[in-house]
Amino acid sequence: MSRHIVPLKFDVEATEAVVGWDRPLQTFFVQVFRDDGNGEDEAFIWEGTEFGEIETPEAAIRFLEPYCLIPNGLSATLQIERMKTLAAHDGPAQQDAKAFLAKLNARRLKD
């Protein structure tokens, strides 16, 4: 998994923003945090939690644009990180975790 902290714009409610590539889920992900009023950060944007949900770096970056100053080359960096993982395979723990998540999703859809 890759993870990059992205610089924030000056006039936003966010306290931190991150973007990266999650190889086991085969998705880019984005999290944008804000203060919850008790001094703790909470994610008010959290995308890329489902298998294959965000397919391109550009799609992930679109979630960040209202809150962040997007560094030049971020899209290319994320794409390179994805490409470096193309030959990687899930180990036993990742396979078990995916099976567990699939069962949870099936149960959620049934309810």
N, C-alpha and C. Protein backbone atom coordinates (compact mmCIF):
# COMPACT_ATOMS: atom_id res chain seq x y z
N MET A 1 0.86 -1.17 0.00
CA MET A 1 0.00 0.00 0.00
C MET A 1 0.90 1.23 0.00
N SER A 2 0.52 2.19 -0.81
CA SER A 2 1.21 3.47 -0.77
C SER A 2 0.31 4.47 -0.07
N ARG A 3 0.91 5.52 0.46
CA ARG A 3 0.12 6.53 1.16
C ARG A 3 0.90 7.84 1.10
N HIS A 4 0.22 8.89 0.61
CA HIS A 4 0.84 10.20 0.48
C HIS A 4 -0.02 11.24 1.18
N ILE A 5 0.60 12.04 2.02
CA ILE A 5 -0.09 13.19 2.61
C ILE A 5 -0.06 14.30 1.58
N VAL A 6 -1.22 14.87 1.30
CA VAL A 6 -1.35 15.91 0.28
C VAL A 6 -1.55 17.25 0.98
N PRO A 7 -0.80 18.28 0.56
CA PRO A 7 -0.92 19.59 1.23
C PRO A 7 -2.32 20.18 1.07
N LEU A 8 -2.79 20.79 2.14
CA LEU A 8 -4.13 21.37 2.16
C LEU A 8 -4.12 22.81 1.67
N LYS A 9 -5.26 23.24 1.11
CA LYS A 9 -5.48 24.65 0.84
C LYS A 9 -5.64 25.35 2.18
N PHE A 10 -5.49 26.67 2.20
CA PHE A 10 -5.49 27.42 3.44
C PHE A 10 -6.88 27.66 4.03
N ASP A 11 -7.91 27.63 3.22
CA ASP A 11 -9.23 28.03 3.68
C ASP A 11 -10.21 26.86 3.75
N VAL A 12 -9.76 25.69 4.15
CA VAL A 12 -10.63 24.52 4.19
C VAL A 12 -10.77 24.01 5.62
N GLU A 13 -11.83 23.25 5.84
CA GLU A 13 -12.09 22.69 7.17
C GLU A 13 -11.24 21.45 7.45
N ALA A 14 -10.53 20.94 6.49
CA ALA A 14 -9.77 19.71 6.64
C ALA A 14 -8.51 19.92 7.47
N THR A 15 -8.09 18.85 8.16
CA THR A 15 -6.86 18.87 8.94
C THR A 15 -5.75 18.04 8.28
N GLU A 16 -6.13 17.09 7.45
CA GLU A 16 -5.16 16.26 6.73
C GLU A 16 -5.88 15.56 5.59
N ALA A 17 -5.11 15.27 4.54
CA ALA A 17 -5.65 14.53 3.40
C ALA A 17 -4.58 13.56 2.92
N VAL A 18 -5.01 12.34 2.59
CA VAL A 18 -4.09 11.33 2.09
C VAL A 18 -4.69 10.64 0.87
N VAL A 19 -3.79 10.13 0.03
CA VAL A 19 -4.19 9.38 -1.16
C VAL A 19 -3.16 8.28 -1.35
N GLY A 20 -3.58 7.18 -1.94
CA GLY A 20 -2.63 6.10 -2.17
C GLY A 20 -3.25 4.97 -2.98
N TRP A 21 -2.48 3.91 -3.09
CA TRP A 21 -2.87 2.70 -3.82
C TRP A 21 -2.92 1.54 -2.83
N ASP A 22 -4.03 0.81 -2.84
CA ASP A 22 -4.21 -0.37 -2.00
C ASP A 22 -4.20 -1.60 -2.90
N ARG A 23 -3.05 -2.30 -2.94
CA ARG A 23 -2.92 -3.44 -3.84
C ARG A 23 -3.90 -4.57 -3.55
N PRO A 24 -4.09 -4.99 -2.30
CA PRO A 24 -5.03 -6.09 -2.07
C PRO A 24 -6.45 -5.78 -2.55
N LEU A 25 -6.88 -4.53 -2.37
CA LEU A 25 -8.23 -4.15 -2.83
C LEU A 25 -8.24 -3.67 -4.28
N GLN A 26 -7.06 -3.53 -4.89
CA GLN A 26 -6.97 -3.08 -6.28
C GLN A 26 -7.73 -1.79 -6.50
N THR A 27 -7.48 -0.83 -5.62
CA THR A 27 -8.14 0.46 -5.72
C THR A 27 -7.23 1.57 -5.20
N PHE A 28 -7.39 2.74 -5.76
CA PHE A 28 -6.81 3.92 -5.15
C PHE A 28 -7.74 4.32 -4.02
N PHE A 29 -7.22 5.02 -3.04
CA PHE A 29 -8.06 5.45 -1.93
C PHE A 29 -7.75 6.89 -1.56
N VAL A 30 -8.72 7.52 -0.92
CA VAL A 30 -8.62 8.92 -0.49
C VAL A 30 -9.24 9.03 0.89
N GLN A 31 -8.57 9.76 1.76
CA GLN A 31 -9.13 10.11 3.06
C GLN A 31 -8.89 11.59 3.29
N VAL A 32 -9.93 12.29 3.73
CA VAL A 32 -9.80 13.69 4.12
C VAL A 32 -10.37 13.77 5.54
N PHE A 33 -9.56 14.33 6.43
CA PHE A 33 -9.91 14.38 7.85
C PHE A 33 -10.21 15.81 8.29
N ARG A 34 -11.02 15.91 9.36
CA ARG A 34 -11.28 17.19 10.01
C ARG A 34 -11.35 16.95 11.52
N ASP A 35 -11.26 18.01 12.28
CA ASP A 35 -11.36 17.93 13.73
C ASP A 35 -12.81 17.62 14.09
N ASP A 36 -13.00 16.65 14.96
CA ASP A 36 -14.36 16.26 15.35
C ASP A 36 -14.95 17.11 16.46
N GLY A 37 -14.23 18.14 16.87
CA GLY A 37 -14.71 19.00 17.94
C GLY A 37 -14.17 18.60 19.30
N ASN A 38 -13.61 17.42 19.39
CA ASN A 38 -13.01 16.93 20.64
C ASN A 38 -11.50 16.76 20.51
N GLY A 39 -10.93 17.40 19.50
CA GLY A 39 -9.50 17.32 19.31
C GLY A 39 -9.03 16.07 18.57
N GLU A 40 -9.95 15.28 18.09
CA GLU A 40 -9.62 14.07 17.35
C GLU A 40 -9.94 14.28 15.87
N ASP A 41 -9.17 13.65 15.00
CA ASP A 41 -9.47 13.71 13.57
C ASP A 41 -10.47 12.62 13.20
N GLU A 42 -11.40 12.98 12.31
CA GLU A 42 -12.34 12.01 11.76
C GLU A 42 -12.33 12.15 10.25
N ALA A 43 -12.47 11.03 9.56
CA ALA A 43 -12.51 11.05 8.10
C ALA A 43 -13.92 11.44 7.66
N PHE A 44 -14.04 12.57 6.96
CA PHE A 44 -15.34 12.93 6.42
C PHE A 44 -15.43 12.58 4.94
N ILE A 45 -14.29 12.27 4.35
CA ILE A 45 -14.26 11.65 3.02
C ILE A 45 -13.37 10.43 3.15
N TRP A 46 -13.91 9.29 2.77
CA TRP A 46 -13.15 8.04 2.80
C TRP A 46 -13.65 7.20 1.64
N GLU A 47 -12.94 7.28 0.55
CA GLU A 47 -13.31 6.58 -0.68
C GLU A 47 -12.22 5.58 -1.03
N GLY A 48 -12.63 4.51 -1.72
CA GLY A 48 -11.67 3.49 -2.10
C GLY A 48 -11.59 2.38 -1.07
N THR A 49 -12.73 2.03 -0.50
CA THR A 49 -12.77 0.98 0.52
C THR A 49 -13.29 -0.35 -0.03
N GLU A 50 -13.76 -0.34 -1.27
CA GLU A 50 -14.29 -1.55 -1.90
C GLU A 50 -13.35 -2.01 -3.01
N PHE A 51 -13.36 -3.28 -3.31
CA PHE A 51 -12.49 -3.84 -4.34
C PHE A 51 -12.72 -3.11 -5.67
N GLY A 52 -11.64 -2.57 -6.23
CA GLY A 52 -11.69 -1.92 -7.54
C GLY A 52 -12.51 -0.66 -7.62
N GLU A 53 -12.80 -0.03 -6.50
CA GLU A 53 -13.72 1.13 -6.47
C GLU A 53 -13.20 2.33 -7.25
N ILE A 54 -11.94 2.70 -7.07
CA ILE A 54 -11.38 3.86 -7.76
C ILE A 54 -10.27 3.34 -8.67
N GLU A 55 -10.50 3.38 -9.96
CA GLU A 55 -9.62 2.71 -10.91
C GLU A 55 -8.44 3.54 -11.38
N THR A 56 -8.51 4.86 -11.27
CA THR A 56 -7.43 5.70 -11.80
C THR A 56 -6.97 6.71 -10.75
N PRO A 57 -5.72 7.13 -10.85
CA PRO A 57 -5.26 8.18 -9.93
C PRO A 57 -6.04 9.47 -10.11
N GLU A 58 -6.40 9.78 -11.34
CA GLU A 58 -7.15 11.01 -11.60
C GLU A 58 -8.50 11.01 -10.89
N ALA A 59 -9.16 9.86 -10.85
CA ALA A 59 -10.44 9.77 -10.15
C ALA A 59 -10.25 9.99 -8.65
N ALA A 60 -9.17 9.46 -8.09
CA ALA A 60 -8.89 9.68 -6.67
C ALA A 60 -8.60 11.15 -6.39
N ILE A 61 -7.80 11.74 -7.24
CA ILE A 61 -7.39 13.14 -7.06
C ILE A 61 -8.60 14.07 -7.13
N ARG A 62 -9.60 13.74 -7.91
CA ARG A 62 -10.80 14.59 -7.99
C ARG A 62 -11.46 14.78 -6.62
N PHE A 63 -11.41 13.75 -5.77
CA PHE A 63 -11.97 13.89 -4.42
C PHE A 63 -11.18 14.91 -3.59
N LEU A 64 -9.89 15.05 -3.88
CA LEU A 64 -9.02 15.93 -3.10
C LEU A 64 -9.06 17.37 -3.56
N GLU A 65 -9.38 17.62 -4.81
CA GLU A 65 -9.24 18.96 -5.40
C GLU A 65 -9.91 20.08 -4.62
N PRO A 66 -11.10 19.88 -4.03
CA PRO A 66 -11.70 21.00 -3.27
C PRO A 66 -10.92 21.37 -2.00
N TYR A 67 -10.09 20.47 -1.51
CA TYR A 67 -9.43 20.65 -0.22
C TYR A 67 -7.91 20.80 -0.30
N CYS A 68 -7.31 20.38 -1.41
CA CYS A 68 -5.86 20.22 -1.45
C CYS A 68 -5.20 20.98 -2.60
N LEU A 69 -3.92 21.27 -2.38
CA LEU A 69 -3.04 21.76 -3.43
C LEU A 69 -2.39 20.51 -4.03
N ILE A 70 -2.79 20.14 -5.22
CA ILE A 70 -2.34 18.88 -5.80
C ILE A 70 -0.92 19.05 -6.36
N PRO A 71 0.04 18.29 -5.83
CA PRO A 71 1.42 18.41 -6.32
C PRO A 71 1.54 17.93 -7.77
N ASN A 72 2.38 18.61 -8.53
CA ASN A 72 2.67 18.14 -9.88
C ASN A 72 3.24 16.74 -9.80
N GLY A 73 2.80 15.88 -10.68
CA GLY A 73 3.33 14.53 -10.75
C GLY A 73 2.68 13.53 -9.82
N LEU A 74 1.71 13.96 -9.01
CA LEU A 74 1.06 13.03 -8.08
C LEU A 74 0.38 11.89 -8.82
N SER A 75 -0.34 12.21 -9.88
CA SER A 75 -1.01 11.17 -10.65
C SER A 75 -0.02 10.14 -11.19
N ALA A 76 1.09 10.61 -11.74
CA ALA A 76 2.11 9.70 -12.29
C ALA A 76 2.72 8.85 -11.18
N THR A 77 2.99 9.46 -10.03
CA THR A 77 3.56 8.71 -8.90
C THR A 77 2.62 7.59 -8.48
N LEU A 78 1.33 7.89 -8.35
CA LEU A 78 0.36 6.88 -7.96
C LEU A 78 0.26 5.77 -9.00
N GLN A 79 0.29 6.13 -10.26
CA GLN A 79 0.20 5.13 -11.32
C GLN A 79 1.43 4.21 -11.30
N ILE A 80 2.60 4.78 -11.08
CA ILE A 80 3.83 3.98 -10.98
C ILE A 80 3.75 3.02 -9.79
N GLU A 81 3.24 3.50 -8.67
CA GLU A 81 3.10 2.64 -7.50
C GLU A 81 2.14 1.48 -7.78
N ARG A 82 1.06 1.75 -8.51
CA ARG A 82 0.14 0.68 -8.88
C ARG A 82 0.84 -0.32 -9.79
N MET A 83 1.57 0.18 -10.77
CA MET A 83 2.22 -0.69 -11.73
C MET A 83 3.29 -1.57 -11.08
N LYS A 84 3.96 -1.07 -10.06
CA LYS A 84 4.97 -1.85 -9.35
C LYS A 84 4.38 -3.07 -8.65
N THR A 85 3.07 -3.07 -8.42
CA THR A 85 2.43 -4.17 -7.70
C THR A 85 1.73 -5.16 -8.62
N LEU A 86 1.81 -4.96 -9.92
CA LEU A 86 1.05 -5.81 -10.84
C LEU A 86 1.39 -7.30 -10.72
N ALA A 87 2.63 -7.63 -10.41
CA ALA A 87 3.03 -9.03 -10.32
C ALA A 87 2.86 -9.61 -8.91
N ALA A 88 2.46 -8.79 -7.95
CA ALA A 88 2.31 -9.25 -6.56
C ALA A 88 1.03 -10.09 -6.42
N HIS A 89 1.09 -11.05 -5.53
CA HIS A 89 -0.07 -11.92 -5.26
C HIS A 89 -0.42 -11.86 -3.78
N ASP A 90 -1.66 -12.14 -3.47
CA ASP A 90 -2.10 -12.17 -2.08
C ASP A 90 -1.48 -13.35 -1.35
N GLY A 91 -1.07 -13.08 -0.12
CA GLY A 91 -0.63 -14.14 0.77
C GLY A 91 -1.83 -14.75 1.47
N PRO A 92 -1.61 -15.77 2.30
CA PRO A 92 -2.73 -16.44 2.99
C PRO A 92 -3.56 -15.49 3.85
N ALA A 93 -2.93 -14.55 4.54
CA ALA A 93 -3.69 -13.63 5.40
C ALA A 93 -4.58 -12.72 4.55
N GLN A 94 -4.07 -12.23 3.43
CA GLN A 94 -4.87 -11.37 2.57
C GLN A 94 -6.02 -12.16 1.93
N GLN A 95 -5.77 -13.40 1.54
CA GLN A 95 -6.83 -14.24 0.97
C GLN A 95 -7.94 -14.46 2.00
N ASP A 96 -7.55 -14.76 3.25
CA ASP A 96 -8.55 -14.94 4.31
C ASP A 96 -9.33 -13.66 4.57
N ALA A 97 -8.63 -12.53 4.59
CA ALA A 97 -9.31 -11.25 4.83
C ALA A 97 -10.30 -10.95 3.71
N LYS A 98 -9.92 -11.20 2.47
CA LYS A 98 -10.84 -10.95 1.35
C LYS A 98 -12.06 -11.84 1.44
N ALA A 99 -11.87 -13.11 1.81
CA ALA A 99 -13.01 -14.02 1.95
C ALA A 99 -13.94 -13.54 3.05
N PHE A 100 -13.36 -13.08 4.15
CA PHE A 100 -14.16 -12.56 5.26
C PHE A 100 -14.96 -11.33 4.83
N LEU A 101 -14.29 -10.40 4.12
CA LEU A 101 -14.99 -9.20 3.64
C LEU A 101 -16.09 -9.54 2.65
N ALA A 102 -15.86 -10.53 1.81
CA ALA A 102 -16.89 -10.95 0.85
C ALA A 102 -18.12 -11.49 1.58
N LYS A 103 -17.89 -12.24 2.66
CA LYS A 103 -19.02 -12.76 3.45
C LYS A 103 -19.78 -11.61 4.11
N LEU A 104 -19.05 -10.63 4.65
CA LEU A 104 -19.72 -9.48 5.26
C LEU A 104 -20.56 -8.72 4.24
N ASN A 105 -20.01 -8.50 3.05
CA ASN A 105 -20.74 -7.79 2.00
C ASN A 105 -21.97 -8.57 1.57
N ALA A 106 -21.85 -9.88 1.44
CA ALA A 106 -23.01 -10.70 1.06
C ALA A 106 -24.10 -10.62 2.12
N ARG A 107 -23.69 -10.63 3.38
CA ARG A 107 -24.65 -10.54 4.48
C ARG A 107 -25.33 -9.17 4.49
N ARG A 108 -24.53 -8.13 4.24
CA ARG A 108 -25.06 -6.76 4.20
C ARG A 108 -26.07 -6.59 3.06
N LEU A 109 -25.78 -7.17 1.91
CA LEU A 109 -26.70 -7.09 0.77
C LEU A 109 -27.99 -7.86 1.03
N LYS A 110 -27.88 -8.94 1.79
CA LYS A 110 -29.04 -9.77 2.09
C LYS A 110 -30.00 -9.07 3.05
N ASP A 111 -29.44 -8.27 3.95
CA ASP A 111 -30.28 -7.60 4.98
C ASP A 111 -31.00 -6.43 4.44
